[in-house]
Amino acid sequence: MGNSWRGISDTKLQEYELRMLSHSGMDVEAEFTFRNVQIDSSGNFVRTLEVGDVTKPVLVLIHGYGGSAVMFWKIFKPLAANFRVLALDILGMGGSSRPSFKIKDPEEADNYLVEWLEAWRINVVDGGLSGFILAGHSFGGYIAGLYACRYH
């Protein structure tokens, strides 16, 4: 995955993700898709998990601090019945890139959090994603709120 985190290998991370998702009651191999959505010219990316029918309304999920998209494993099955779910790993967490973070003040931090999400939205599908529902848990809710305030 090209990140600088040294906790476990990319292979182990993916293995653990699949093991966790196997408890969702869904066919992991057939129903879940993972991809790394590039967000800048430096090669940074946001790991994105997709599940559900592509013809249904889009629900974007952002996990809490220190987590990853697979933390939503218990609710993927009921959500996928009604939505195309795009669950992403916050930049610097989960399987996403870990770019250098040299933020000096809270306003700059808020801007950083909103702008990587906007870059993801623009690059996740050709022409950019529009008309989606955005939800987050804990820190992910904070990011979703910041984003909604700027890009409502």
N, C-alpha and C. Protein backbone atom coordinates (compact mmCIF):
# COMPACT_ATOMS: atom_id res chain seq x y z
N MET A 1 0.80 -1.19 0.00
CA MET A 1 0.00 0.00 0.00
C MET A 1 0.85 1.26 0.00
N GLY A 2 2.09 1.12 0.25
CA GLY A 2 2.97 2.27 0.11
C GLY A 2 2.90 3.26 1.25
N ASN A 3 2.44 2.85 2.42
CA ASN A 3 2.42 3.81 3.50
C ASN A 3 3.63 3.60 4.41
N SER A 4 3.84 4.52 5.33
CA SER A 4 5.04 4.44 6.16
C SER A 4 4.78 3.78 7.51
N TRP A 5 3.57 3.34 7.75
CA TRP A 5 3.27 2.68 9.01
C TRP A 5 3.99 1.35 9.08
N ARG A 6 4.51 1.01 10.20
CA ARG A 6 5.29 -0.21 10.34
C ARG A 6 4.63 -1.24 11.26
N GLY A 7 3.35 -1.05 11.57
CA GLY A 7 2.67 -1.95 12.49
C GLY A 7 2.60 -3.38 11.99
N ILE A 8 2.05 -3.59 10.82
CA ILE A 8 1.98 -4.89 10.18
C ILE A 8 2.15 -4.70 8.68
N SER A 9 2.39 -5.79 7.98
CA SER A 9 2.56 -5.69 6.53
C SER A 9 1.22 -5.44 5.85
N ASP A 10 1.27 -4.94 4.64
CA ASP A 10 0.06 -4.73 3.86
C ASP A 10 -0.70 -6.04 3.67
N THR A 11 0.02 -7.13 3.48
CA THR A 11 -0.60 -8.44 3.30
C THR A 11 -1.37 -8.85 4.55
N LYS A 12 -0.77 -8.66 5.72
CA LYS A 12 -1.44 -9.00 6.98
C LYS A 12 -2.65 -8.10 7.21
N LEU A 13 -2.51 -6.82 6.90
CA LEU A 13 -3.63 -5.90 7.06
C LEU A 13 -4.82 -6.38 6.22
N GLN A 14 -4.57 -6.72 4.97
CA GLN A 14 -5.64 -7.18 4.08
C GLN A 14 -6.23 -8.50 4.58
N GLU A 15 -5.39 -9.38 5.09
CA GLU A 15 -5.87 -10.65 5.65
C GLU A 15 -6.81 -10.39 6.83
N TYR A 16 -6.43 -9.49 7.72
CA TYR A 16 -7.26 -9.16 8.88
C TYR A 16 -8.56 -8.48 8.47
N GLU A 17 -8.50 -7.64 7.45
CA GLU A 17 -9.72 -7.00 6.95
C GLU A 17 -10.71 -8.06 6.47
N LEU A 18 -10.22 -9.00 5.68
CA LEU A 18 -11.10 -10.04 5.14
C LEU A 18 -11.66 -10.92 6.25
N ARG A 19 -10.84 -11.23 7.25
CA ARG A 19 -11.32 -12.04 8.37
C ARG A 19 -12.41 -11.31 9.13
N MET A 20 -12.23 -10.02 9.35
CA MET A 20 -13.25 -9.25 10.06
C MET A 20 -14.53 -9.17 9.25
N LEU A 21 -14.41 -8.91 7.95
CA LEU A 21 -15.60 -8.81 7.10
C LEU A 21 -16.33 -10.14 6.94
N SER A 22 -15.63 -11.24 7.16
CA SER A 22 -16.28 -12.55 7.05
C SER A 22 -17.38 -12.71 8.11
N HIS A 23 -17.36 -11.89 9.13
CA HIS A 23 -18.39 -11.93 10.18
C HIS A 23 -19.60 -11.06 9.84
N SER A 24 -19.58 -10.41 8.68
CA SER A 24 -20.66 -9.51 8.29
C SER A 24 -21.91 -10.23 7.80
N GLY A 25 -21.79 -11.52 7.52
CA GLY A 25 -22.91 -12.26 6.96
C GLY A 25 -23.02 -12.12 5.46
N MET A 26 -21.97 -11.57 4.85
CA MET A 26 -21.95 -11.35 3.41
C MET A 26 -20.83 -12.18 2.80
N ASP A 27 -20.91 -12.40 1.50
CA ASP A 27 -19.86 -13.11 0.78
C ASP A 27 -18.75 -12.10 0.50
N VAL A 28 -17.68 -12.18 1.27
CA VAL A 28 -16.60 -11.20 1.20
C VAL A 28 -15.99 -11.12 -0.19
N GLU A 29 -15.70 -12.26 -0.77
CA GLU A 29 -15.05 -12.30 -2.09
C GLU A 29 -15.94 -11.72 -3.19
N ALA A 30 -17.25 -11.97 -3.11
CA ALA A 30 -18.15 -11.55 -4.18
C ALA A 30 -18.76 -10.16 -3.97
N GLU A 31 -18.92 -9.74 -2.72
CA GLU A 31 -19.68 -8.51 -2.47
C GLU A 31 -18.86 -7.28 -2.09
N PHE A 32 -17.63 -7.48 -1.66
CA PHE A 32 -16.80 -6.35 -1.24
C PHE A 32 -15.70 -6.07 -2.26
N THR A 33 -15.45 -4.80 -2.48
CA THR A 33 -14.36 -4.38 -3.35
C THR A 33 -13.51 -3.38 -2.58
N PHE A 34 -12.21 -3.55 -2.65
CA PHE A 34 -11.27 -2.59 -2.07
C PHE A 34 -10.50 -1.92 -3.20
N ARG A 35 -10.27 -0.62 -3.05
CA ARG A 35 -9.38 0.04 -3.99
C ARG A 35 -8.76 1.26 -3.32
N ASN A 36 -7.62 1.63 -3.85
CA ASN A 36 -6.90 2.79 -3.35
C ASN A 36 -7.16 3.94 -4.31
N VAL A 37 -7.84 4.97 -3.83
CA VAL A 37 -8.20 6.12 -4.65
C VAL A 37 -7.11 7.18 -4.48
N GLN A 38 -6.38 7.43 -5.55
CA GLN A 38 -5.30 8.42 -5.50
C GLN A 38 -5.90 9.81 -5.33
N ILE A 39 -5.29 10.61 -4.44
CA ILE A 39 -5.85 11.93 -4.15
C ILE A 39 -4.93 13.09 -4.48
N ASP A 40 -3.69 12.80 -4.87
CA ASP A 40 -2.78 13.89 -5.22
C ASP A 40 -1.68 13.39 -6.14
N SER A 41 -0.86 14.32 -6.60
CA SER A 41 0.22 13.97 -7.53
C SER A 41 1.41 13.31 -6.83
N SER A 42 1.41 13.28 -5.51
CA SER A 42 2.48 12.62 -4.75
C SER A 42 2.22 11.12 -4.59
N GLY A 43 1.08 10.66 -5.07
CA GLY A 43 0.74 9.24 -4.96
C GLY A 43 0.00 8.86 -3.70
N ASN A 44 -0.39 9.83 -2.89
CA ASN A 44 -1.18 9.51 -1.69
C ASN A 44 -2.56 9.02 -2.10
N PHE A 45 -3.09 8.10 -1.30
CA PHE A 45 -4.37 7.49 -1.64
C PHE A 45 -5.21 7.24 -0.40
N VAL A 46 -6.50 7.09 -0.64
CA VAL A 46 -7.46 6.76 0.41
C VAL A 46 -8.01 5.37 0.11
N ARG A 47 -7.77 4.46 1.02
CA ARG A 47 -8.28 3.09 0.88
C ARG A 47 -9.79 3.14 0.99
N THR A 48 -10.47 2.56 0.02
CA THR A 48 -11.92 2.64 -0.07
C THR A 48 -12.52 1.26 -0.22
N LEU A 49 -13.49 0.96 0.63
CA LEU A 49 -14.22 -0.30 0.59
C LEU A 49 -15.59 -0.01 -0.01
N GLU A 50 -15.99 -0.82 -0.98
CA GLU A 50 -17.30 -0.65 -1.62
C GLU A 50 -18.13 -1.91 -1.44
N VAL A 51 -19.41 -1.71 -1.17
CA VAL A 51 -20.35 -2.82 -1.05
C VAL A 51 -21.74 -2.30 -1.39
N GLY A 52 -22.55 -3.13 -2.00
CA GLY A 52 -23.92 -2.74 -2.34
C GLY A 52 -24.10 -2.50 -3.82
N ASP A 53 -25.34 -2.37 -4.20
CA ASP A 53 -25.77 -2.20 -5.60
C ASP A 53 -25.39 -0.80 -6.10
N VAL A 54 -24.68 -0.73 -7.22
CA VAL A 54 -24.23 0.55 -7.76
C VAL A 54 -25.38 1.43 -8.26
N THR A 55 -26.59 0.87 -8.39
CA THR A 55 -27.73 1.68 -8.83
C THR A 55 -28.46 2.35 -7.67
N LYS A 56 -28.07 2.02 -6.45
CA LYS A 56 -28.75 2.58 -5.27
C LYS A 56 -28.08 3.88 -4.83
N PRO A 57 -28.75 4.65 -3.97
CA PRO A 57 -28.14 5.89 -3.47
C PRO A 57 -26.81 5.59 -2.77
N VAL A 58 -25.89 6.56 -2.86
CA VAL A 58 -24.55 6.38 -2.31
C VAL A 58 -24.50 6.89 -0.87
N LEU A 59 -23.96 6.05 0.00
CA LEU A 59 -23.70 6.39 1.40
C LEU A 59 -22.20 6.30 1.63
N VAL A 60 -21.59 7.41 2.04
CA VAL A 60 -20.16 7.45 2.34
C VAL A 60 -20.01 7.40 3.86
N LEU A 61 -19.21 6.43 4.33
CA LEU A 61 -18.97 6.26 5.77
C LEU A 61 -17.53 6.57 6.11
N ILE A 62 -17.35 7.33 7.21
CA ILE A 62 -16.01 7.65 7.70
C ILE A 62 -15.90 7.14 9.14
N HIS A 63 -14.91 6.32 9.41
CA HIS A 63 -14.72 5.71 10.72
C HIS A 63 -14.17 6.70 11.75
N GLY A 64 -14.10 6.25 13.00
CA GLY A 64 -13.55 7.05 14.08
C GLY A 64 -12.03 7.02 14.12
N TYR A 65 -11.47 7.82 15.02
CA TYR A 65 -10.02 7.97 15.14
C TYR A 65 -9.33 6.63 15.40
N GLY A 66 -8.29 6.38 14.64
CA GLY A 66 -7.48 5.19 14.83
C GLY A 66 -8.08 3.91 14.25
N GLY A 67 -9.20 4.01 13.59
CA GLY A 67 -9.86 2.83 13.06
C GLY A 67 -9.64 2.66 11.57
N SER A 68 -10.58 1.96 10.95
CA SER A 68 -10.57 1.76 9.51
C SER A 68 -12.00 1.47 9.06
N ALA A 69 -12.21 1.43 7.77
CA ALA A 69 -13.54 1.21 7.21
C ALA A 69 -14.16 -0.11 7.66
N VAL A 70 -13.34 -1.12 7.88
CA VAL A 70 -13.90 -2.42 8.25
C VAL A 70 -14.53 -2.41 9.65
N MET A 71 -14.34 -1.32 10.38
CA MET A 71 -14.96 -1.21 11.71
C MET A 71 -16.49 -1.19 11.61
N PHE A 72 -17.01 -0.93 10.42
CA PHE A 72 -18.46 -0.92 10.20
C PHE A 72 -19.00 -2.30 9.82
N TRP A 73 -18.22 -3.36 10.02
CA TRP A 73 -18.58 -4.69 9.52
C TRP A 73 -19.97 -5.14 9.94
N LYS A 74 -20.43 -4.79 11.14
CA LYS A 74 -21.73 -5.24 11.61
C LYS A 74 -22.90 -4.62 10.86
N ILE A 75 -22.69 -3.45 10.27
CA ILE A 75 -23.81 -2.78 9.62
C ILE A 75 -23.73 -2.78 8.09
N PHE A 76 -22.70 -3.40 7.53
CA PHE A 76 -22.59 -3.42 6.07
C PHE A 76 -23.77 -4.15 5.42
N LYS A 77 -24.16 -5.28 5.96
CA LYS A 77 -25.23 -6.06 5.33
C LYS A 77 -26.55 -5.29 5.26
N PRO A 78 -27.04 -4.73 6.38
CA PRO A 78 -28.30 -3.98 6.27
C PRO A 78 -28.17 -2.70 5.44
N LEU A 79 -27.01 -2.05 5.50
CA LEU A 79 -26.83 -0.84 4.70
C LEU A 79 -26.77 -1.17 3.20
N ALA A 80 -26.09 -2.26 2.84
CA ALA A 80 -25.95 -2.65 1.44
C ALA A 80 -27.28 -3.03 0.81
N ALA A 81 -28.27 -3.35 1.63
CA ALA A 81 -29.60 -3.66 1.09
C ALA A 81 -30.28 -2.42 0.51
N ASN A 82 -29.85 -1.24 0.99
CA ASN A 82 -30.51 0.00 0.58
C ASN A 82 -29.59 1.03 -0.07
N PHE A 83 -28.27 0.81 0.03
CA PHE A 83 -27.32 1.80 -0.45
C PHE A 83 -26.14 1.16 -1.17
N ARG A 84 -25.50 1.95 -1.97
CA ARG A 84 -24.14 1.64 -2.43
C ARG A 84 -23.25 2.29 -1.37
N VAL A 85 -22.57 1.50 -0.58
CA VAL A 85 -21.78 2.00 0.54
C VAL A 85 -20.33 2.15 0.11
N LEU A 86 -19.78 3.33 0.33
CA LEU A 86 -18.36 3.60 0.14
C LEU A 86 -17.82 3.95 1.52
N ALA A 87 -17.07 3.05 2.11
CA ALA A 87 -16.48 3.29 3.42
C ALA A 87 -14.99 3.51 3.22
N LEU A 88 -14.48 4.60 3.76
CA LEU A 88 -13.08 4.92 3.49
C LEU A 88 -12.25 4.96 4.75
N ASP A 89 -10.97 4.72 4.57
CA ASP A 89 -10.00 4.85 5.65
C ASP A 89 -9.49 6.29 5.64
N ILE A 90 -9.61 6.96 6.76
CA ILE A 90 -9.13 8.33 6.88
C ILE A 90 -7.66 8.37 6.49
N LEU A 91 -7.28 9.41 5.77
CA LEU A 91 -5.88 9.58 5.39
C LEU A 91 -5.01 9.52 6.64
N GLY A 92 -4.00 8.65 6.62
CA GLY A 92 -3.12 8.46 7.77
C GLY A 92 -3.56 7.34 8.69
N MET A 93 -4.66 6.67 8.37
CA MET A 93 -5.17 5.58 9.20
C MET A 93 -5.54 4.39 8.32
N GLY A 94 -5.79 3.25 8.95
CA GLY A 94 -6.17 2.05 8.23
C GLY A 94 -5.19 1.73 7.12
N GLY A 95 -5.70 1.47 5.93
CA GLY A 95 -4.85 1.14 4.80
C GLY A 95 -4.53 2.32 3.90
N SER A 96 -4.90 3.53 4.31
CA SER A 96 -4.62 4.72 3.50
C SER A 96 -3.17 5.17 3.66
N SER A 97 -2.76 6.04 2.76
CA SER A 97 -1.41 6.61 2.81
C SER A 97 -1.19 7.36 4.12
N ARG A 98 0.07 7.50 4.46
CA ARG A 98 0.44 8.25 5.65
C ARG A 98 1.40 9.38 5.26
N PRO A 99 0.84 10.43 4.66
CA PRO A 99 1.71 11.53 4.25
C PRO A 99 2.24 12.30 5.45
N SER A 100 3.29 13.04 5.22
CA SER A 100 3.86 13.90 6.24
C SER A 100 2.79 14.87 6.72
N PHE A 101 2.71 15.07 8.02
CA PHE A 101 1.68 15.92 8.61
C PHE A 101 2.36 17.01 9.41
N LYS A 102 2.42 18.22 8.85
CA LYS A 102 3.12 19.32 9.50
C LYS A 102 2.18 20.50 9.70
N ILE A 103 1.08 20.23 10.35
CA ILE A 103 0.06 21.24 10.59
C ILE A 103 0.44 22.06 11.82
N LYS A 104 0.21 23.38 11.73
CA LYS A 104 0.65 24.27 12.80
C LYS A 104 -0.47 24.78 13.70
N ASP A 105 -1.71 24.76 13.22
CA ASP A 105 -2.80 25.28 14.06
C ASP A 105 -4.11 24.55 13.73
N PRO A 106 -5.11 24.70 14.58
CA PRO A 106 -6.38 23.98 14.38
C PRO A 106 -7.08 24.31 13.06
N GLU A 107 -7.05 25.55 12.63
CA GLU A 107 -7.69 25.92 11.37
C GLU A 107 -7.03 25.19 10.19
N GLU A 108 -5.72 25.11 10.21
CA GLU A 108 -4.99 24.41 9.16
C GLU A 108 -5.31 22.91 9.20
N ALA A 109 -5.47 22.36 10.40
CA ALA A 109 -5.82 20.95 10.54
C ALA A 109 -7.22 20.67 9.97
N ASP A 110 -8.17 21.53 10.31
CA ASP A 110 -9.53 21.37 9.78
C ASP A 110 -9.53 21.43 8.25
N ASN A 111 -8.78 22.37 7.70
CA ASN A 111 -8.68 22.50 6.25
C ASN A 111 -8.09 21.24 5.63
N TYR A 112 -7.06 20.69 6.23
CA TYR A 112 -6.42 19.46 5.76
C TYR A 112 -7.43 18.31 5.73
N LEU A 113 -8.21 18.18 6.81
CA LEU A 113 -9.19 17.09 6.90
C LEU A 113 -10.26 17.21 5.83
N VAL A 114 -10.70 18.41 5.55
CA VAL A 114 -11.73 18.63 4.54
C VAL A 114 -11.18 18.43 3.12
N GLU A 115 -9.99 18.92 2.88
CA GLU A 115 -9.46 18.90 1.51
C GLU A 115 -9.07 17.50 1.03
N TRP A 116 -8.57 16.63 1.92
CA TRP A 116 -8.27 15.27 1.43
C TRP A 116 -9.57 14.55 1.10
N LEU A 117 -10.64 14.83 1.87
CA LEU A 117 -11.93 14.21 1.59
C LEU A 117 -12.49 14.72 0.26
N GLU A 118 -12.35 16.01 0.01
CA GLU A 118 -12.81 16.56 -1.26
C GLU A 118 -12.01 15.99 -2.43
N ALA A 119 -10.70 15.83 -2.26
CA ALA A 119 -9.88 15.22 -3.31
C ALA A 119 -10.34 13.78 -3.57
N TRP A 120 -10.67 13.06 -2.51
CA TRP A 120 -11.19 11.69 -2.66
C TRP A 120 -12.51 11.73 -3.45
N ARG A 121 -13.43 12.64 -3.08
CA ARG A 121 -14.72 12.74 -3.76
C ARG A 121 -14.55 12.99 -5.26
N ILE A 122 -13.61 13.83 -5.61
CA ILE A 122 -13.36 14.16 -7.01
C ILE A 122 -12.79 12.97 -7.77
N ASN A 123 -11.99 12.14 -7.11
CA ASN A 123 -11.27 11.06 -7.79
C ASN A 123 -11.88 9.67 -7.64
N VAL A 124 -12.86 9.50 -6.78
CA VAL A 124 -13.39 8.15 -6.52
C VAL A 124 -14.15 7.60 -7.73
N VAL A 125 -14.78 8.46 -8.50
CA VAL A 125 -15.45 8.04 -9.74
C VAL A 125 -15.15 9.05 -10.83
N ASP A 126 -15.20 8.62 -12.07
CA ASP A 126 -15.01 9.56 -13.18
C ASP A 126 -16.04 10.67 -13.08
N GLY A 127 -15.58 11.90 -13.17
CA GLY A 127 -16.48 13.04 -13.07
C GLY A 127 -16.77 13.47 -11.65
N GLY A 128 -16.24 12.74 -10.67
CA GLY A 128 -16.47 13.08 -9.26
C GLY A 128 -17.79 12.56 -8.75
N LEU A 129 -17.81 12.24 -7.50
CA LEU A 129 -19.02 11.73 -6.84
C LEU A 129 -19.90 12.92 -6.47
N SER A 130 -21.20 12.80 -6.74
CA SER A 130 -22.14 13.86 -6.35
C SER A 130 -23.40 13.22 -5.82
N GLY A 131 -24.17 13.99 -5.09
CA GLY A 131 -25.45 13.51 -4.59
C GLY A 131 -25.33 12.32 -3.66
N PHE A 132 -24.49 12.41 -2.65
CA PHE A 132 -24.29 11.29 -1.73
C PHE A 132 -24.66 11.68 -0.30
N ILE A 133 -24.88 10.67 0.52
CA ILE A 133 -25.14 10.86 1.94
C ILE A 133 -23.81 10.64 2.65
N LEU A 134 -23.44 11.54 3.54
CA LEU A 134 -22.17 11.45 4.25
C LEU A 134 -22.43 11.22 5.73
N ALA A 135 -21.83 10.17 6.29
CA ALA A 135 -22.01 9.86 7.70
C ALA A 135 -20.66 9.46 8.30
N GLY A 136 -20.49 9.77 9.55
CA GLY A 136 -19.25 9.40 10.21
C GLY A 136 -19.48 9.06 11.66
N HIS A 137 -18.56 8.29 12.21
CA HIS A 137 -18.61 7.91 13.62
C HIS A 137 -17.48 8.62 14.34
N SER A 138 -17.78 9.29 15.43
CA SER A 138 -16.79 9.92 16.29
C SER A 138 -15.94 10.91 15.49
N PHE A 139 -14.64 10.69 15.39
CA PHE A 139 -13.78 11.59 14.63
C PHE A 139 -14.22 11.69 13.17
N GLY A 140 -14.73 10.58 12.63
CA GLY A 140 -15.27 10.60 11.27
C GLY A 140 -16.47 11.51 11.16
N GLY A 141 -17.28 11.59 12.22
CA GLY A 141 -18.40 12.52 12.26
C GLY A 141 -17.93 13.96 12.27
N TYR A 142 -16.84 14.21 12.96
CA TYR A 142 -16.26 15.55 12.99
C TYR A 142 -15.82 15.96 11.58
N ILE A 143 -15.13 15.04 10.90
CA ILE A 143 -14.69 15.32 9.53
C ILE A 143 -15.90 15.54 8.62
N ALA A 144 -16.92 14.69 8.76
CA ALA A 144 -18.13 14.84 7.94
C ALA A 144 -18.80 16.19 8.19
N GLY A 145 -18.84 16.62 9.45
CA GLY A 145 -19.42 17.92 9.77
C GLY A 145 -18.64 19.07 9.17
N LEU A 146 -17.31 19.01 9.27
CA LEU A 146 -16.47 20.04 8.66
C LEU A 146 -16.70 20.10 7.15
N TYR A 147 -16.74 18.91 6.54
CA TYR A 147 -16.94 18.83 5.10
C TYR A 147 -18.29 19.41 4.69
N ALA A 148 -19.34 19.04 5.42
CA ALA A 148 -20.68 19.53 5.10
C ALA A 148 -20.78 21.04 5.24
N CYS A 149 -20.09 21.61 6.23
CA CYS A 149 -20.10 23.05 6.41
C CYS A 149 -19.44 23.77 5.23
N ARG A 150 -18.42 23.18 4.67
CA ARG A 150 -17.72 23.83 3.57
C ARG A 150 -18.35 23.53 2.21
N TYR A 151 -18.81 22.30 2.01
CA TYR A 151 -19.28 21.89 0.68
C TYR A 151 -20.75 21.52 0.63
N HIS A 152 -21.57 22.14 1.44
CA HIS A 152 -23.00 21.80 1.47
C HIS A 152 -23.62 22.05 0.17
